[in-house]
Amino acid sequence: MGYYTDFKIVTDCKDNNRNQKIVDRLSDISGYELDYRYGGSEVYLDSAKWYSSENDMKTLSMEFTDILFTVYGDGEESDDLWVAYYKNGKGTEFMKPAIIYPLPVEDEFK
């Protein structure tokens, strides 16, 4: 069986040609065909069992040392949302987002 996660990978790179090279290399490393729309800095991988994502992203970030990679994960469970960052072969722990609800302003009660 396994656990499915939707992934969104974002780079801070503004060069479309370089982003295409990054996507191609990540496809080679991960073995997945990624959904990339040329001209952007976002790549998508839906409903994947990408268990090696952490190691694969560290490998990718070692090859593109000046790029910051942000990986968003949305797992099968409703509360399984996380983000991780990778740069220069290193990565952060998966971090859960903090959800803060704003207090209503007084005018909303009139």
N, C-alpha and C. Protein backbone atom coordinates (compact mmCIF):
# COMPACT_ATOMS: atom_id res chain seq x y z
N MET A 1 0.85 -1.18 0.00
CA MET A 1 0.00 0.00 0.00
C MET A 1 0.89 1.24 0.00
N GLY A 2 1.09 1.91 1.10
CA GLY A 2 1.94 3.09 1.13
C GLY A 2 1.16 4.35 1.44
N TYR A 3 1.90 5.41 1.59
CA TYR A 3 1.32 6.70 1.97
C TYR A 3 1.57 7.70 0.85
N TYR A 4 0.52 8.32 0.38
CA TYR A 4 0.62 9.28 -0.72
C TYR A 4 0.74 10.71 -0.20
N THR A 5 1.57 11.49 -0.86
CA THR A 5 1.77 12.89 -0.52
C THR A 5 1.80 13.70 -1.81
N ASP A 6 1.21 14.89 -1.77
CA ASP A 6 1.33 15.86 -2.86
C ASP A 6 2.50 16.78 -2.51
N PHE A 7 3.40 16.97 -3.46
CA PHE A 7 4.58 17.81 -3.25
C PHE A 7 4.53 19.02 -4.17
N LYS A 8 5.02 20.14 -3.64
CA LYS A 8 5.25 21.34 -4.44
C LYS A 8 6.67 21.78 -4.11
N ILE A 9 7.51 21.87 -5.14
CA ILE A 9 8.90 22.27 -4.96
C ILE A 9 9.08 23.64 -5.60
N VAL A 10 9.61 24.59 -4.85
CA VAL A 10 9.78 25.96 -5.32
C VAL A 10 11.26 26.34 -5.20
N THR A 11 11.78 27.00 -6.24
CA THR A 11 13.15 27.50 -6.18
C THR A 11 13.12 29.02 -6.10
N ASP A 12 14.23 29.60 -5.66
CA ASP A 12 14.35 31.05 -5.69
C ASP A 12 15.08 31.52 -6.95
N CYS A 13 15.20 30.63 -7.93
CA CYS A 13 15.87 30.92 -9.19
C CYS A 13 14.90 31.59 -10.17
N LYS A 14 15.34 32.66 -10.80
CA LYS A 14 14.49 33.39 -11.75
C LYS A 14 14.82 33.06 -13.21
N ASP A 15 15.83 32.25 -13.42
CA ASP A 15 16.28 31.88 -14.77
C ASP A 15 15.50 30.64 -15.23
N ASN A 16 14.62 30.81 -16.22
CA ASN A 16 13.78 29.70 -16.68
C ASN A 16 14.58 28.53 -17.25
N ASN A 17 15.66 28.83 -17.96
CA ASN A 17 16.49 27.75 -18.51
C ASN A 17 17.13 26.94 -17.39
N ARG A 18 17.59 27.62 -16.38
CA ARG A 18 18.20 26.91 -15.24
C ARG A 18 17.15 26.12 -14.47
N ASN A 19 15.96 26.69 -14.31
CA ASN A 19 14.89 25.95 -13.64
C ASN A 19 14.56 24.67 -14.40
N GLN A 20 14.59 24.72 -15.72
CA GLN A 20 14.33 23.52 -16.50
C GLN A 20 15.41 22.47 -16.25
N LYS A 21 16.67 22.91 -16.14
CA LYS A 21 17.77 21.98 -15.82
C LYS A 21 17.57 21.37 -14.44
N ILE A 22 17.12 22.17 -13.49
CA ILE A 22 16.86 21.68 -12.14
C ILE A 22 15.76 20.62 -12.16
N VAL A 23 14.68 20.89 -12.89
CA VAL A 23 13.57 19.94 -12.99
C VAL A 23 14.03 18.64 -13.63
N ASP A 24 14.79 18.75 -14.72
CA ASP A 24 15.30 17.56 -15.40
C ASP A 24 16.18 16.74 -14.46
N ARG A 25 17.03 17.41 -13.72
CA ARG A 25 17.94 16.69 -12.81
C ARG A 25 17.16 16.05 -11.67
N LEU A 26 16.16 16.76 -11.12
CA LEU A 26 15.35 16.19 -10.05
C LEU A 26 14.57 14.98 -10.54
N SER A 27 14.10 15.02 -11.77
CA SER A 27 13.42 13.85 -12.35
C SER A 27 14.37 12.66 -12.42
N ASP A 28 15.62 12.92 -12.83
CA ASP A 28 16.62 11.85 -12.90
C ASP A 28 16.90 11.27 -11.51
N ILE A 29 17.08 12.14 -10.53
CA ILE A 29 17.41 11.70 -9.17
C ILE A 29 16.26 10.93 -8.54
N SER A 30 15.03 11.48 -8.66
CA SER A 30 13.87 10.91 -7.96
C SER A 30 13.23 9.74 -8.70
N GLY A 31 13.36 9.73 -10.02
CA GLY A 31 12.68 8.71 -10.81
C GLY A 31 11.24 9.07 -11.13
N TYR A 32 10.82 10.27 -10.76
CA TYR A 32 9.45 10.71 -11.03
C TYR A 32 9.42 11.73 -12.16
N GLU A 33 8.32 11.70 -12.92
CA GLU A 33 8.08 12.74 -13.91
C GLU A 33 7.35 13.87 -13.21
N LEU A 34 7.95 15.04 -13.21
CA LEU A 34 7.43 16.17 -12.47
C LEU A 34 6.58 17.05 -13.37
N ASP A 35 5.58 17.69 -12.79
CA ASP A 35 4.70 18.61 -13.52
C ASP A 35 5.31 20.00 -13.43
N TYR A 36 5.92 20.45 -14.54
CA TYR A 36 6.59 21.74 -14.59
C TYR A 36 6.05 22.54 -15.75
N ARG A 37 5.69 23.75 -15.47
CA ARG A 37 5.23 24.65 -16.52
C ARG A 37 6.37 25.62 -16.81
N TYR A 38 6.94 25.51 -17.99
CA TYR A 38 8.10 26.33 -18.34
C TYR A 38 7.79 27.80 -18.09
N GLY A 39 8.68 28.47 -17.45
CA GLY A 39 8.50 29.88 -17.17
C GLY A 39 8.18 30.15 -15.72
N GLY A 40 8.24 29.15 -14.89
CA GLY A 40 7.95 29.35 -13.47
C GLY A 40 9.04 28.75 -12.60
N SER A 41 8.84 28.92 -11.31
CA SER A 41 9.81 28.37 -10.37
C SER A 41 9.16 27.31 -9.48
N GLU A 42 8.00 26.79 -9.89
CA GLU A 42 7.29 25.78 -9.11
C GLU A 42 7.17 24.48 -9.90
N VAL A 43 7.33 23.38 -9.18
CA VAL A 43 7.21 22.04 -9.76
C VAL A 43 6.27 21.25 -8.86
N TYR A 44 5.45 20.40 -9.46
CA TYR A 44 4.47 19.64 -8.70
C TYR A 44 4.65 18.14 -8.91
N LEU A 45 4.40 17.40 -7.85
CA LEU A 45 4.40 15.95 -7.89
C LEU A 45 3.23 15.50 -7.03
N ASP A 46 2.17 15.03 -7.67
CA ASP A 46 0.94 14.70 -6.96
C ASP A 46 0.84 13.20 -6.68
N SER A 47 0.24 12.88 -5.55
CA SER A 47 -0.06 11.50 -5.15
C SER A 47 1.14 10.58 -5.33
N ALA A 48 2.23 10.95 -4.70
CA ALA A 48 3.47 10.18 -4.86
C ALA A 48 3.87 9.53 -3.55
N LYS A 49 4.55 8.41 -3.68
CA LYS A 49 5.18 7.73 -2.55
C LYS A 49 6.68 8.00 -2.65
N TRP A 50 7.05 9.25 -2.53
CA TRP A 50 8.42 9.69 -2.70
C TRP A 50 9.13 9.65 -1.35
N TYR A 51 9.43 8.44 -0.89
CA TYR A 51 10.02 8.24 0.42
C TYR A 51 11.44 8.77 0.52
N SER A 52 12.12 8.89 -0.60
CA SER A 52 13.51 9.37 -0.60
C SER A 52 13.59 10.88 -0.85
N SER A 53 12.49 11.59 -0.67
CA SER A 53 12.47 13.02 -1.01
C SER A 53 13.54 13.81 -0.26
N GLU A 54 13.73 13.52 1.01
CA GLU A 54 14.71 14.28 1.80
C GLU A 54 16.12 14.07 1.24
N ASN A 55 16.52 12.84 1.01
CA ASN A 55 17.85 12.57 0.45
C ASN A 55 17.98 13.10 -0.97
N ASP A 56 16.93 12.94 -1.77
CA ASP A 56 16.96 13.42 -3.15
C ASP A 56 17.13 14.94 -3.20
N MET A 57 16.43 15.65 -2.32
CA MET A 57 16.53 17.11 -2.32
C MET A 57 17.90 17.57 -1.82
N LYS A 58 18.48 16.85 -0.88
CA LYS A 58 19.84 17.18 -0.43
C LYS A 58 20.84 16.98 -1.57
N THR A 59 20.67 15.89 -2.31
CA THR A 59 21.53 15.63 -3.46
C THR A 59 21.39 16.74 -4.50
N LEU A 60 20.15 17.11 -4.81
CA LEU A 60 19.91 18.17 -5.78
C LEU A 60 20.51 19.48 -5.32
N SER A 61 20.34 19.80 -4.05
CA SER A 61 20.85 21.08 -3.56
C SER A 61 22.38 21.12 -3.51
N MET A 62 23.03 19.96 -3.47
CA MET A 62 24.50 19.93 -3.55
C MET A 62 24.96 20.27 -4.96
N GLU A 63 24.13 19.98 -5.95
CA GLU A 63 24.49 20.26 -7.34
C GLU A 63 24.18 21.70 -7.74
N PHE A 64 23.22 22.32 -7.07
CA PHE A 64 22.83 23.71 -7.34
C PHE A 64 22.96 24.47 -6.02
N THR A 65 24.21 24.70 -5.61
CA THR A 65 24.49 25.18 -4.25
C THR A 65 23.97 26.59 -3.96
N ASP A 66 23.74 27.39 -4.97
CA ASP A 66 23.30 28.76 -4.73
C ASP A 66 21.78 28.90 -4.71
N ILE A 67 21.05 27.82 -4.90
CA ILE A 67 19.59 27.85 -4.98
C ILE A 67 18.98 27.40 -3.65
N LEU A 68 17.97 28.14 -3.20
CA LEU A 68 17.18 27.72 -2.05
C LEU A 68 15.96 26.97 -2.57
N PHE A 69 15.78 25.74 -2.09
CA PHE A 69 14.63 24.92 -2.46
C PHE A 69 13.66 24.87 -1.29
N THR A 70 12.40 25.13 -1.57
CA THR A 70 11.35 25.01 -0.57
C THR A 70 10.43 23.89 -1.03
N VAL A 71 10.20 22.91 -0.17
CA VAL A 71 9.35 21.77 -0.50
C VAL A 71 8.15 21.78 0.44
N TYR A 72 6.96 21.83 -0.16
CA TYR A 72 5.71 21.77 0.60
C TYR A 72 5.12 20.38 0.44
N GLY A 73 4.67 19.80 1.55
CA GLY A 73 4.06 18.48 1.50
C GLY A 73 2.64 18.52 2.05
N ASP A 74 1.76 17.80 1.38
CA ASP A 74 0.36 17.67 1.80
C ASP A 74 0.02 16.19 1.74
N GLY A 75 0.06 15.53 2.91
CA GLY A 75 -0.15 14.09 2.98
C GLY A 75 -1.61 13.69 2.97
N GLU A 76 -1.84 12.40 2.98
CA GLU A 76 -3.19 11.84 2.95
C GLU A 76 -4.04 12.27 4.15
N GLU A 77 -3.42 12.33 5.31
CA GLU A 77 -4.14 12.74 6.51
C GLU A 77 -4.41 14.25 6.43
N SER A 78 -5.56 14.68 6.93
CA SER A 78 -5.96 16.08 6.79
C SER A 78 -5.02 17.04 7.50
N ASP A 79 -4.33 16.60 8.55
CA ASP A 79 -3.45 17.50 9.27
C ASP A 79 -1.97 17.31 8.91
N ASP A 80 -1.69 16.56 7.86
CA ASP A 80 -0.30 16.29 7.46
C ASP A 80 0.16 17.31 6.43
N LEU A 81 0.41 18.51 6.90
CA LEU A 81 0.96 19.59 6.08
C LEU A 81 2.32 19.96 6.66
N TRP A 82 3.30 20.16 5.79
CA TRP A 82 4.63 20.50 6.26
C TRP A 82 5.40 21.25 5.18
N VAL A 83 6.52 21.83 5.58
CA VAL A 83 7.43 22.50 4.66
C VAL A 83 8.86 22.18 5.10
N ALA A 84 9.75 22.07 4.13
CA ALA A 84 11.17 21.84 4.41
C ALA A 84 11.98 22.70 3.43
N TYR A 85 13.17 23.09 3.87
CA TYR A 85 14.05 23.93 3.06
C TYR A 85 15.36 23.21 2.84
N TYR A 86 15.95 23.40 1.64
CA TYR A 86 17.22 22.75 1.30
C TYR A 86 18.12 23.75 0.59
N LYS A 87 19.37 23.74 0.97
CA LYS A 87 20.37 24.57 0.29
C LYS A 87 21.75 23.99 0.58
N ASN A 88 22.58 23.94 -0.46
CA ASN A 88 23.98 23.54 -0.32
C ASN A 88 24.15 22.17 0.35
N GLY A 89 23.26 21.23 0.00
CA GLY A 89 23.38 19.88 0.51
C GLY A 89 22.82 19.65 1.90
N LYS A 90 22.22 20.68 2.48
CA LYS A 90 21.66 20.56 3.81
C LYS A 90 20.17 20.85 3.77
N GLY A 91 19.45 20.30 4.75
CA GLY A 91 18.01 20.52 4.81
C GLY A 91 17.53 20.74 6.22
N THR A 92 16.36 21.31 6.35
CA THR A 92 15.74 21.51 7.65
C THR A 92 14.86 20.31 7.98
N GLU A 93 14.46 20.22 9.21
CA GLU A 93 13.45 19.24 9.60
C GLU A 93 12.13 19.65 8.95
N PHE A 94 11.24 18.69 8.78
CA PHE A 94 9.91 19.04 8.27
C PHE A 94 9.22 19.88 9.33
N MET A 95 8.72 21.04 8.92
CA MET A 95 8.09 21.95 9.86
C MET A 95 6.59 22.04 9.57
N LYS A 96 5.81 21.95 10.62
CA LYS A 96 4.37 22.11 10.49
C LYS A 96 4.05 23.60 10.42
N PRO A 97 3.11 23.99 9.56
CA PRO A 97 2.76 25.41 9.49
C PRO A 97 2.00 25.84 10.74
N ALA A 98 2.20 27.07 11.12
CA ALA A 98 1.45 27.64 12.24
C ALA A 98 0.23 28.34 11.67
N ILE A 99 -0.92 27.94 12.12
CA ILE A 99 -2.15 28.56 11.64
C ILE A 99 -2.62 29.55 12.70
N ILE A 100 -2.72 30.80 12.29
CA ILE A 100 -3.15 31.85 13.20
C ILE A 100 -4.40 32.49 12.62
N TYR A 101 -5.45 32.47 13.39
CA TYR A 101 -6.70 33.09 12.96
C TYR A 101 -6.73 34.52 13.47
N PRO A 102 -7.03 35.48 12.59
CA PRO A 102 -7.06 36.87 13.05
C PRO A 102 -8.30 37.14 13.90
N LEU A 103 -8.13 38.02 14.86
CA LEU A 103 -9.27 38.46 15.64
C LEU A 103 -10.15 39.35 14.79
N PRO A 104 -11.44 39.24 14.91
CA PRO A 104 -12.30 40.13 14.11
C PRO A 104 -12.19 41.56 14.61
N VAL A 105 -12.36 42.47 13.69
CA VAL A 105 -12.38 43.89 14.07
C VAL A 105 -13.78 44.23 14.59
N GLU A 106 -13.85 45.25 15.39
CA GLU A 106 -15.13 45.61 16.05
C GLU A 106 -16.26 45.83 15.03
N ASP A 107 -15.95 46.38 13.86
CA ASP A 107 -16.97 46.67 12.85
C ASP A 107 -17.68 45.40 12.36
N GLU A 108 -17.04 44.26 12.46
CA GLU A 108 -17.66 43.02 11.98
C GLU A 108 -18.83 42.58 12.85
N PHE A 109 -18.98 43.15 14.04
CA PHE A 109 -20.06 42.77 14.94
C PHE A 109 -21.27 43.68 14.83
N LYS A 110 -21.25 44.64 13.95
CA LYS A 110 -22.37 45.60 13.83
C LYS A 110 -23.34 45.16 12.77
